[in-house]
Amino acid sequence: MLRDTRPRPRFYRVEVSYNLFGEYSVLREWGQRGKRGQALLVWFSN
């Protein structure tokens, strides 16, 4: 997802993924476009 806030547009990404141990994770990343943002990873059992 993107937000056009001039002069610095921002992004927000949510990703669901599966690992080899049978767990699911949700990765959230946010920040300014073109720069390294912040990230938070949360684990779930199903």
All heavy atoms as atom14 arrays in JSON, in Angstrom:
{
  "sequence": "MLRDTRPRPRFYRVEVSYNLFGEYSVLREWGQRGKRGQALLVWFSN",
  "atom14_mask": [
    [1, 1, 1, 1, 1, 1, 1, 1, 0, 0, 0, 0, 0, 0],
    [1, 1, 1, 1, 1, 1, 1, 1, 0, 0, 0, 0, 0, 0],
    [1, 1, 1, 1, 1, 1, 1, 1, 1, 1, 1, 0, 0, 0],
    [1, 1, 1, 1, 1, 1, 1, 1, 0, 0, 0, 0, 0, 0],
    [1, 1, 1, 1, 1, 1, 1, 0, 0, 0, 0, 0, 0, 0],
    [1, 1, 1, 1, 1, 1, 1, 1, 1, 1, 1, 0, 0, 0],
    [1, 1, 1, 1, 1, 1, 1, 0, 0, 0, 0, 0, 0, 0],
    [1, 1, 1, 1, 1, 1, 1, 1, 1, 1, 1, 0, 0, 0],
    [1, 1, 1, 1, 1, 1, 1, 0, 0, 0, 0, 0, 0, 0],
    [1, 1, 1, 1, 1, 1, 1, 1, 1, 1, 1, 0, 0, 0],
    [1, 1, 1, 1, 1, 1, 1, 1, 1, 1, 1, 0, 0, 0],
    [1, 1, 1, 1, 1, 1, 1, 1, 1, 1, 1, 1, 0, 0],
    [1, 1, 1, 1, 1, 1, 1, 1, 1, 1, 1, 0, 0, 0],
    [1, 1, 1, 1, 1, 1, 1, 0, 0, 0, 0, 0, 0, 0],
    [1, 1, 1, 1, 1, 1, 1, 1, 1, 0, 0, 0, 0, 0],
    [1, 1, 1, 1, 1, 1, 1, 0, 0, 0, 0, 0, 0, 0],
    [1, 1, 1, 1, 1, 1, 0, 0, 0, 0, 0, 0, 0, 0],
    [1, 1, 1, 1, 1, 1, 1, 1, 1, 1, 1, 1, 0, 0],
    [1, 1, 1, 1, 1, 1, 1, 1, 0, 0, 0, 0, 0, 0],
    [1, 1, 1, 1, 1, 1, 1, 1, 0, 0, 0, 0, 0, 0],
    [1, 1, 1, 1, 1, 1, 1, 1, 1, 1, 1, 0, 0, 0],
    [1, 1, 1, 1, 0, 0, 0, 0, 0, 0, 0, 0, 0, 0],
    [1, 1, 1, 1, 1, 1, 1, 1, 1, 0, 0, 0, 0, 0],
    [1, 1, 1, 1, 1, 1, 1, 1, 1, 1, 1, 1, 0, 0],
    [1, 1, 1, 1, 1, 1, 0, 0, 0, 0, 0, 0, 0, 0],
    [1, 1, 1, 1, 1, 1, 1, 0, 0, 0, 0, 0, 0, 0],
    [1, 1, 1, 1, 1, 1, 1, 1, 0, 0, 0, 0, 0, 0],
    [1, 1, 1, 1, 1, 1, 1, 1, 1, 1, 1, 0, 0, 0],
    [1, 1, 1, 1, 1, 1, 1, 1, 1, 0, 0, 0, 0, 0],
    [1, 1, 1, 1, 1, 1, 1, 1, 1, 1, 1, 1, 1, 1],
    [1, 1, 1, 1, 0, 0, 0, 0, 0, 0, 0, 0, 0, 0],
    [1, 1, 1, 1, 1, 1, 1, 1, 1, 0, 0, 0, 0, 0],
    [1, 1, 1, 1, 1, 1, 1, 1, 1, 1, 1, 0, 0, 0],
    [1, 1, 1, 1, 0, 0, 0, 0, 0, 0, 0, 0, 0, 0],
    [1, 1, 1, 1, 1, 1, 1, 1, 1, 0, 0, 0, 0, 0],
    [1, 1, 1, 1, 1, 1, 1, 1, 1, 1, 1, 0, 0, 0],
    [1, 1, 1, 1, 0, 0, 0, 0, 0, 0, 0, 0, 0, 0],
    [1, 1, 1, 1, 1, 1, 1, 1, 1, 0, 0, 0, 0, 0],
    [1, 1, 1, 1, 1, 0, 0, 0, 0, 0, 0, 0, 0, 0],
    [1, 1, 1, 1, 1, 1, 1, 1, 0, 0, 0, 0, 0, 0],
    [1, 1, 1, 1, 1, 1, 1, 1, 0, 0, 0, 0, 0, 0],
    [1, 1, 1, 1, 1, 1, 1, 0, 0, 0, 0, 0, 0, 0],
    [1, 1, 1, 1, 1, 1, 1, 1, 1, 1, 1, 1, 1, 1],
    [1, 1, 1, 1, 1, 1, 1, 1, 1, 1, 1, 0, 0, 0],
    [1, 1, 1, 1, 1, 1, 0, 0, 0, 0, 0, 0, 0, 0],
    [1, 1, 1, 1, 1, 1, 1, 1, 0, 0, 0, 0, 0, 0]
  ],
  "atom14_positions": [
    [[0.84, -1.18, 0.0], [0.0, 0.0, 0.0], [0.88, 1.24, 0.0], [1.96, 1.24, 0.58], [-0.91, -0.01, 1.22], [-1.74, -1.27, 1.31], [-2.7, -1.38, 2.8], [-4.04, -0.3, 2.38], [0.0, 0.0, 0.0], [0.0, 0.0, 0.0], [0.0, 0.0, 0.0], [0.0, 0.0, 0.0], [0.0, 0.0, 0.0], [0.0, 0.0, 0.0]],
    [[0.42, 2.29, -0.68], [1.18, 3.53, -0.77], [0.35, 4.7, -0.3], [-0.87, 4.69, -0.4], [1.62, 3.77, -2.22], [2.48, 2.69, -2.86], [2.69, 3.0, -4.32], [3.8, 2.56, -2.14], [0.0, 0.0, 0.0], [0.0, 0.0, 0.0], [0.0, 0.0, 0.0], [0.0, 0.0, 0.0], [0.0, 0.0, 0.0], [0.0, 0.0, 0.0]],
    [[1.02, 5.72, 0.21], [0.36, 6.96, 0.61], [1.19, 8.11, 0.04], [2.38, 8.21, 0.32], [0.27, 7.06, 2.13], [-0.49, 8.29, 2.59], [-0.76, 8.26, 4.06], [0.48, 8.44, 4.8], [0.55, 8.46, 6.11], [-0.51, 8.26, 6.84], [1.7, 8.64, 6.72], [0.0, 0.0, 0.0], [0.0, 0.0, 0.0], [0.0, 0.0, 0.0]],
    [[0.55, 8.94, -0.77], [1.25, 10.03, -1.43], [1.22, 11.27, -0.54], [0.36, 12.12, -0.65], [0.61, 10.32, -2.79], [1.46, 11.27, -3.61], [2.66, 11.41, -3.32], [0.91, 11.88, -4.54], [0.0, 0.0, 0.0], [0.0, 0.0, 0.0], [0.0, 0.0, 0.0], [0.0, 0.0, 0.0], [0.0, 0.0, 0.0], [0.0, 0.0, 0.0]],
    [[2.18, 11.36, 0.35], [2.33, 12.53, 1.22], [3.54, 13.3, 0.73], [4.67, 12.89, 0.92], [2.53, 12.11, 2.69], [3.63, 11.21, 2.75], [1.29, 11.46, 3.24], [0.0, 0.0, 0.0], [0.0, 0.0, 0.0], [0.0, 0.0, 0.0], [0.0, 0.0, 0.0], [0.0, 0.0, 0.0], [0.0, 0.0, 0.0], [0.0, 0.0, 0.0]],
    [[3.29, 14.37, 0.06], [4.39, 15.15, -0.52], [5.13, 15.88, 0.58], [4.5, 16.33, 1.52], [3.83, 16.15, -1.53], [3.1, 15.43, -2.64], [3.35, 16.1, -3.96], [2.47, 15.59, -4.99], [2.74, 14.51, -5.71], [3.82, 13.83, -5.49], [1.93, 14.13, -6.64], [0.0, 0.0, 0.0], [0.0, 0.0, 0.0], [0.0, 0.0, 0.0]],
    [[6.41, 16.02, 0.54], [7.32, 15.61, -0.52], [7.85, 14.19, -0.33], [8.69, 13.74, -1.1], [8.47, 16.6, -0.39], [8.54, 16.89, 1.07], [7.1, 16.82, 1.55], [0.0, 0.0, 0.0], [0.0, 0.0, 0.0], [0.0, 0.0, 0.0], [0.0, 0.0, 0.0], [0.0, 0.0, 0.0], [0.0, 0.0, 0.0], [0.0, 0.0, 0.0]],
    [[7.39, 13.46, 0.68], [7.91, 12.12, 0.96], [6.81, 11.07, 0.93], [6.15, 10.85, 1.94], [8.57, 12.11, 2.33], [9.73, 13.05, 2.44], [10.36, 12.93, 3.8], [11.35, 13.97, 3.96], [11.31, 14.91, 4.88], [10.34, 14.95, 5.73], [12.25, 15.81, 4.94], [0.0, 0.0, 0.0], [0.0, 0.0, 0.0], [0.0, 0.0, 0.0]],
    [[6.61, 10.41, -0.23], [5.62, 9.32, -0.28], [6.03, 8.18, 0.65], [7.21, 7.95, 0.88], [5.63, 8.87, -1.73], [6.43, 9.86, -2.48], [7.25, 10.62, -1.52], [0.0, 0.0, 0.0], [0.0, 0.0, 0.0], [0.0, 0.0, 0.0], [0.0, 0.0, 0.0], [0.0, 0.0, 0.0], [0.0, 0.0, 0.0], [0.0, 0.0, 0.0]],
    [[5.04, 7.47, 1.17], [5.3, 6.41, 2.14], [4.72, 5.09, 1.64], [3.85, 5.06, 0.79], [4.69, 6.78, 3.48], [5.27, 8.09, 4.04], [4.79, 8.41, 5.42], [5.12, 7.4, 6.39], [6.31, 7.26, 7.0], [7.3, 8.06, 6.68], [6.51, 6.33, 7.9], [0.0, 0.0, 0.0], [0.0, 0.0, 0.0], [0.0, 0.0, 0.0]],
    [[5.23, 3.98, 2.19], [4.75, 2.65, 1.83], [4.4, 1.87, 3.1], [4.88, 2.18, 4.19], [5.78, 1.87, 1.0], [6.95, 1.38, 1.81], [6.93, 0.12, 2.38], [8.06, 2.18, 2.01], [8.01, -0.33, 3.13], [9.14, 1.74, 2.76], [9.11, 0.48, 3.31], [0.0, 0.0, 0.0], [0.0, 0.0, 0.0], [0.0, 0.0, 0.0]],
    [[3.54, 0.86, 2.93], [3.17, -0.05, 4.01], [2.99, -1.42, 3.36], [2.27, -1.55, 2.38], [1.87, 0.4, 4.67], [1.57, -0.31, 5.96], [2.06, 0.14, 7.17], [0.78, -1.45, 5.97], [1.78, -0.51, 8.35], [0.5, -2.11, 7.14], [1.0, -1.64, 8.33], [0.73, -2.3, 9.5], [0.0, 0.0, 0.0], [0.0, 0.0, 0.0]],
    [[3.69, -2.43, 3.87], [3.62, -3.77, 3.29], [3.29, -4.77, 4.37], [3.86, -4.73, 5.46], [4.96, -4.13, 2.65], [4.94, -5.46, 1.95], [6.21, -5.67, 1.18], [7.29, -6.07, 2.06], [7.95, -7.23, 1.94], [7.66, -8.06, 0.97], [8.91, -7.52, 2.78], [0.0, 0.0, 0.0], [0.0, 0.0, 0.0], [0.0, 0.0, 0.0]],
    [[2.35, -5.66, 4.06], [1.98, -6.76, 4.96], [2.15, -8.05, 4.17], [1.62, -8.18, 3.07], [0.51, -6.62, 5.45], [0.15, -7.77, 6.35], [0.29, -5.3, 6.15], [0.0, 0.0, 0.0], [0.0, 0.0, 0.0], [0.0, 0.0, 0.0], [0.0, 0.0, 0.0], [0.0, 0.0, 0.0], [0.0, 0.0, 0.0], [0.0, 0.0, 0.0]],
    [[2.9, -9.0, 4.73], [3.18, -10.25, 4.02], [2.99, -11.44, 4.95], [3.52, -11.45, 6.06], [4.62, -10.21, 3.51], [5.03, -11.45, 2.78], [6.45, -11.34, 2.27], [6.71, -10.46, 1.43], [7.29, -12.12, 2.73], [0.0, 0.0, 0.0], [0.0, 0.0, 0.0], [0.0, 0.0, 0.0], [0.0, 0.0, 0.0], [0.0, 0.0, 0.0]],
    [[2.23, -12.43, 4.48], [2.04, -13.67, 5.22], [2.93, -14.72, 4.58], [2.92, -14.89, 3.37], [0.57, -14.14, 5.16], [0.4, -15.46, 5.88], [-0.35, -13.09, 5.76], [0.0, 0.0, 0.0], [0.0, 0.0, 0.0], [0.0, 0.0, 0.0], [0.0, 0.0, 0.0], [0.0, 0.0, 0.0], [0.0, 0.0, 0.0], [0.0, 0.0, 0.0]],
    [[3.72, -15.43, 5.39], [4.6, -16.46, 4.84], [4.64, -17.67, 5.78], [4.23, -17.6, 6.93], [6.0, -15.91, 4.58], [6.55, -15.43, 5.77], [0.0, 0.0, 0.0], [0.0, 0.0, 0.0], [0.0, 0.0, 0.0], [0.0, 0.0, 0.0], [0.0, 0.0, 0.0], [0.0, 0.0, 0.0], [0.0, 0.0, 0.0], [0.0, 0.0, 0.0]],
    [[5.18, -18.77, 5.26], [5.24, -20.06, 5.94], [6.7, -20.44, 6.09], [7.5, -20.22, 5.18], [4.49, -21.08, 5.09], [4.44, -22.47, 5.63], [3.61, -22.78, 6.69], [5.21, -23.48, 5.07], [3.56, -24.07, 7.19], [5.16, -24.77, 5.55], [4.33, -25.06, 6.61], [4.28, -26.33, 7.11], [0.0, 0.0, 0.0], [0.0, 0.0, 0.0]],
    [[7.09, -21.03, 7.23], [8.48, -21.46, 7.37], [8.57, -22.98, 7.45], [7.56, -23.69, 7.45], [9.15, -20.78, 8.57], [8.62, -21.26, 9.9], [7.92, -22.26, 10.0], [8.95, -20.55, 10.95], [0.0, 0.0, 0.0], [0.0, 0.0, 0.0], [0.0, 0.0, 0.0], [0.0, 0.0, 0.0], [0.0, 0.0, 0.0], [0.0, 0.0, 0.0]],
    [[9.78, -23.49, 7.53], [10.01, -24.94, 7.52], [9.58, -25.63, 8.81], [9.49, -26.86, 8.85], [11.5, -25.21, 7.28], [12.02, -24.76, 5.93], [13.53, -24.94, 5.87], [11.36, -25.52, 4.82], [0.0, 0.0, 0.0], [0.0, 0.0, 0.0], [0.0, 0.0, 0.0], [0.0, 0.0, 0.0], [0.0, 0.0, 0.0], [0.0, 0.0, 0.0]],
    [[9.3, -24.89, 9.85], [8.91, -25.47, 11.13], [7.39, -25.55, 11.3], [6.89, -25.86, 12.37], [9.5, -24.64, 12.28], [11.0, -24.57, 12.22], [11.63, -23.4, 11.88], [11.77, -25.7, 12.47], [13.0, -23.33, 11.81], [13.15, -25.64, 12.4], [13.77, -24.45, 12.07], [0.0, 0.0, 0.0], [0.0, 0.0, 0.0], [0.0, 0.0, 0.0]],
    [[6.65, -25.25, 10.24], [5.2, -25.35, 10.29], [4.52, -24.15, 10.91], [3.37, -24.24, 11.32], [0.0, 0.0, 0.0], [0.0, 0.0, 0.0], [0.0, 0.0, 0.0], [0.0, 0.0, 0.0], [0.0, 0.0, 0.0], [0.0, 0.0, 0.0], [0.0, 0.0, 0.0], [0.0, 0.0, 0.0], [0.0, 0.0, 0.0], [0.0, 0.0, 0.0]],
    [[5.21, -23.04, 11.0], [4.64, -21.82, 11.57], [4.4, -20.8, 10.47], [5.03, -20.84, 9.42], [5.6, -21.22, 12.6], [5.9, -22.13, 13.75], [7.02, -21.57, 14.6], [7.95, -20.95, 14.09], [6.96, -21.81, 15.81], [0.0, 0.0, 0.0], [0.0, 0.0, 0.0], [0.0, 0.0, 0.0], [0.0, 0.0, 0.0], [0.0, 0.0, 0.0]],
    [[3.5, -19.89, 10.75], [3.19, -18.81, 9.81], [3.64, -17.5, 10.43], [3.56, -17.33, 11.65], [1.7, -18.76, 9.5], [1.24, -19.98, 8.76], [0.8, -21.11, 9.44], [1.25, -20.02, 7.37], [0.4, -22.24, 8.77], [0.84, -21.15, 6.69], [0.43, -22.26, 7.4], [0.03, -23.37, 6.73], [0.0, 0.0, 0.0], [0.0, 0.0, 0.0]],
    [[4.09, -16.6, 9.6], [4.5, -15.3, 10.11], [3.86, -14.2, 9.29], [3.54, -14.39, 8.11], [6.02, -15.16, 10.06], [6.48, -15.2, 8.73], [0.0, 0.0, 0.0], [0.0, 0.0, 0.0], [0.0, 0.0, 0.0], [0.0, 0.0, 0.0], [0.0, 0.0, 0.0], [0.0, 0.0, 0.0], [0.0, 0.0, 0.0], [0.0, 0.0, 0.0]],
    [[3.67, -13.06, 9.93], [3.19, -11.86, 9.26], [4.27, -10.81, 9.42], [4.62, -10.44, 10.55], [1.85, -11.37, 9.83], [1.41, -10.08, 9.15], [0.78, -12.44, 9.68], [0.0, 0.0, 0.0], [0.0, 0.0, 0.0], [0.0, 0.0, 0.0], [0.0, 0.0, 0.0], [0.0, 0.0, 0.0], [0.0, 0.0, 0.0], [0.0, 0.0, 0.0]],
    [[4.8, -10.36, 8.3], [5.83, -9.33, 8.29], [5.17, -8.02, 7.9], [4.47, -7.96, 6.88], [6.92, -9.67, 7.27], [7.97, -8.58, 7.03], [8.81, -8.36, 8.27], [8.83, -8.94, 5.84], [0.0, 0.0, 0.0], [0.0, 0.0, 0.0], [0.0, 0.0, 0.0], [0.0, 0.0, 0.0], [0.0, 0.0, 0.0], [0.0, 0.0, 0.0]],
    [[5.38, -6.98, 8.73], [4.89, -5.65, 8.4], [6.09, -4.74, 8.23], [6.99, -4.72, 9.06], [4.0, -5.1, 9.52], [2.73, -5.89, 9.7], [1.82, -5.22, 10.69], [2.38, -5.27, 12.03], [2.07, -4.41, 12.99], [1.24, -3.43, 12.77], [2.6, -4.53, 14.19], [0.0, 0.0, 0.0], [0.0, 0.0, 0.0], [0.0, 0.0, 0.0]],
    [[6.11, -3.99, 7.12], [7.16, -3.02, 6.87], [6.51, -1.7, 6.51], [5.49, -1.68, 5.82], [8.05, -3.45, 5.71], [8.91, -4.63, 6.0], [9.82, -4.95, 4.83], [9.29, -5.12, 3.71], [11.04, -5.0, 5.03], [0.0, 0.0, 0.0], [0.0, 0.0, 0.0], [0.0, 0.0, 0.0], [0.0, 0.0, 0.0], [0.0, 0.0, 0.0]],
    [[7.11, -0.59, 6.95], [6.56, 0.72, 6.64], [7.7, 1.73, 6.64], [8.74, 1.51, 7.26], [5.48, 1.12, 7.62], [5.95, 1.24, 9.03], [6.4, 2.37, 9.65], [6.05, 0.2, 10.01], [6.76, 2.1, 10.95], [6.56, 0.77, 11.2], [5.76, -1.16, 10.0], [6.78, 0.03, 12.35], [5.99, -1.88, 11.14], [6.48, -1.3, 12.3]],
    [[7.49, 2.82, 5.91], [8.49, 3.87, 5.88], [8.37, 4.72, 4.63], [7.38, 4.65, 3.9], [0.0, 0.0, 0.0], [0.0, 0.0, 0.0], [0.0, 0.0, 0.0], [0.0, 0.0, 0.0], [0.0, 0.0, 0.0], [0.0, 0.0, 0.0], [0.0, 0.0, 0.0], [0.0, 0.0, 0.0], [0.0, 0.0, 0.0], [0.0, 0.0, 0.0]],
    [[9.43, 5.49, 4.35], [9.45, 6.35, 3.16], [9.85, 5.52, 1.96], [10.72, 4.65, 2.05], [10.44, 7.49, 3.34], [10.04, 8.49, 4.36], [11.08, 9.6, 4.47], [11.97, 9.72, 3.65], [10.94, 10.41, 5.49], [0.0, 0.0, 0.0], [0.0, 0.0, 0.0], [0.0, 0.0, 0.0], [0.0, 0.0, 0.0], [0.0, 0.0, 0.0]],
    [[9.23, 5.8, 0.82], [9.6, 5.1, -0.41], [11.03, 5.45, -0.79], [11.46, 6.58, -0.69], [8.67, 5.49, -1.55], [7.3, 4.87, -1.39], [6.4, 5.21, -2.52], [6.92, 4.66, -3.76], [6.41, 4.92, -4.96], [5.38, 5.72, -5.06], [6.92, 4.4, -6.02], [0.0, 0.0, 0.0], [0.0, 0.0, 0.0], [0.0, 0.0, 0.0]],
    [[11.78, 4.44, -1.22], [13.16, 4.64, -1.62], [14.15, 4.56, -0.48], [15.35, 4.66, -0.69], [0.0, 0.0, 0.0], [0.0, 0.0, 0.0], [0.0, 0.0, 0.0], [0.0, 0.0, 0.0], [0.0, 0.0, 0.0], [0.0, 0.0, 0.0], [0.0, 0.0, 0.0], [0.0, 0.0, 0.0], [0.0, 0.0, 0.0], [0.0, 0.0, 0.0]],
    [[13.67, 4.39, 0.74], [14.54, 4.28, 1.91], [14.2, 3.02, 2.68], [13.13, 2.44, 2.52], [14.38, 5.49, 2.82], [14.83, 6.78, 2.19], [14.85, 7.88, 3.2], [15.38, 9.14, 2.55], [15.46, 10.24, 3.49], [0.0, 0.0, 0.0], [0.0, 0.0, 0.0], [0.0, 0.0, 0.0], [0.0, 0.0, 0.0], [0.0, 0.0, 0.0]],
    [[15.11, 2.63, 3.52], [14.88, 1.46, 4.36], [13.86, 1.83, 5.44], [14.02, 2.81, 6.15], [16.18, 1.03, 4.99], [16.06, -0.24, 5.74], [17.42, -0.66, 6.24], [17.29, -1.97, 6.84], [18.28, -2.8, 6.98], [19.47, -2.46, 6.57], [18.09, -3.96, 7.54], [0.0, 0.0, 0.0], [0.0, 0.0, 0.0], [0.0, 0.0, 0.0]],
    [[12.84, 1.02, 5.56], [11.8, 1.3, 6.54], [11.98, 0.48, 7.81], [12.99, -0.18, 8.01], [0.0, 0.0, 0.0], [0.0, 0.0, 0.0], [0.0, 0.0, 0.0], [0.0, 0.0, 0.0], [0.0, 0.0, 0.0], [0.0, 0.0, 0.0], [0.0, 0.0, 0.0], [0.0, 0.0, 0.0], [0.0, 0.0, 0.0], [0.0, 0.0, 0.0]],
    [[10.96, 0.5, 8.63], [10.95, -0.3, 9.85], [10.19, -1.59, 9.56], [9.35, -1.65, 8.66], [10.27, 0.46, 10.96], [11.0, 1.71, 11.36], [10.29, 2.43, 12.49], [9.17, 2.12, 12.86], [10.97, 3.42, 13.04], [0.0, 0.0, 0.0], [0.0, 0.0, 0.0], [0.0, 0.0, 0.0], [0.0, 0.0, 0.0], [0.0, 0.0, 0.0]],
    [[10.48, -2.63, 10.33], [9.83, -3.92, 10.12], [9.47, -4.56, 11.46], [10.15, -4.34, 12.47], [10.73, -4.85, 9.33], [0.0, 0.0, 0.0], [0.0, 0.0, 0.0], [0.0, 0.0, 0.0], [0.0, 0.0, 0.0], [0.0, 0.0, 0.0], [0.0, 0.0, 0.0], [0.0, 0.0, 0.0], [0.0, 0.0, 0.0], [0.0, 0.0, 0.0]],
    [[8.4, -5.34, 11.43], [7.96, -6.07, 12.62], [7.46, -7.44, 12.16], [6.63, -7.53, 11.25], [6.84, -5.31, 13.33], [6.31, -5.94, 14.61], [7.39, -5.96, 15.68], [5.11, -5.18, 15.11], [0.0, 0.0, 0.0], [0.0, 0.0, 0.0], [0.0, 0.0, 0.0], [0.0, 0.0, 0.0], [0.0, 0.0, 0.0], [0.0, 0.0, 0.0]],
    [[7.95, -8.5, 12.78], [7.59, -9.87, 12.42], [6.83, -10.5, 13.58], [7.31, -10.48, 14.72], [8.85, -10.67, 12.11], [8.68, -12.09, 11.61], [7.99, -12.07, 10.24], [10.02, -12.77, 11.5], [0.0, 0.0, 0.0], [0.0, 0.0, 0.0], [0.0, 0.0, 0.0], [0.0, 0.0, 0.0], [0.0, 0.0, 0.0], [0.0, 0.0, 0.0]],
    [[5.66, -11.06, 13.28], [4.82, -11.7, 14.3], [4.55, -13.14, 13.85], [4.19, -13.37, 12.69], [3.49, -10.94, 14.49], [2.64, -11.59, 15.55], [3.74, -9.49, 14.81], [0.0, 0.0, 0.0], [0.0, 0.0, 0.0], [0.0, 0.0, 0.0], [0.0, 0.0, 0.0], [0.0, 0.0, 0.0], [0.0, 0.0, 0.0], [0.0, 0.0, 0.0]],
    [[4.72, -14.11, 14.76], [4.53, -15.53, 14.46], [3.15, -16.0, 14.89], [2.63, -15.58, 15.92], [5.58, -16.35, 15.18], [6.95, -16.03, 14.73], [7.81, -15.16, 15.33], [7.61, -16.52, 13.58], [8.97, -15.1, 14.61], [8.87, -15.93, 13.53], [7.26, -17.42, 12.57], [9.79, -16.19, 12.53], [8.16, -17.69, 11.58], [9.41, -17.09, 11.55]],
    [[2.58, -16.95, 14.1], [1.28, -17.54, 14.4], [1.37, -19.05, 14.2], [2.15, -19.53, 13.38], [0.2, -16.98, 13.46], [-0.06, -15.52, 13.68], [0.65, -14.57, 12.95], [-0.98, -15.1, 14.61], [0.43, -13.22, 13.15], [-1.2, -13.74, 14.81], [-0.5, -12.81, 14.08], [0.0, 0.0, 0.0], [0.0, 0.0, 0.0], [0.0, 0.0, 0.0]],
    [[0.54, -19.8, 14.91], [0.58, -21.26, 14.81], [-0.25, -21.81, 13.67], [-0.05, -22.95, 13.27], [0.12, -21.88, 16.13], [-1.21, -21.47, 16.41], [0.0, 0.0, 0.0], [0.0, 0.0, 0.0], [0.0, 0.0, 0.0], [0.0, 0.0, 0.0], [0.0, 0.0, 0.0], [0.0, 0.0, 0.0], [0.0, 0.0, 0.0], [0.0, 0.0, 0.0]],
    [[-1.2, -21.0, 13.14], [-1.98, -21.5, 12.01], [-2.24, -20.39, 10.99], [-2.12, -19.19, 11.3], [-3.28, -22.16, 12.46], [-4.21, -21.22, 13.16], [-4.54, -20.15, 12.65], [-4.66, -21.59, 14.35], [0.0, 0.0, 0.0], [0.0, 0.0, 0.0], [0.0, 0.0, 0.0], [0.0, 0.0, 0.0], [0.0, 0.0, 0.0], [0.0, 0.0, 0.0]]
  ]
}
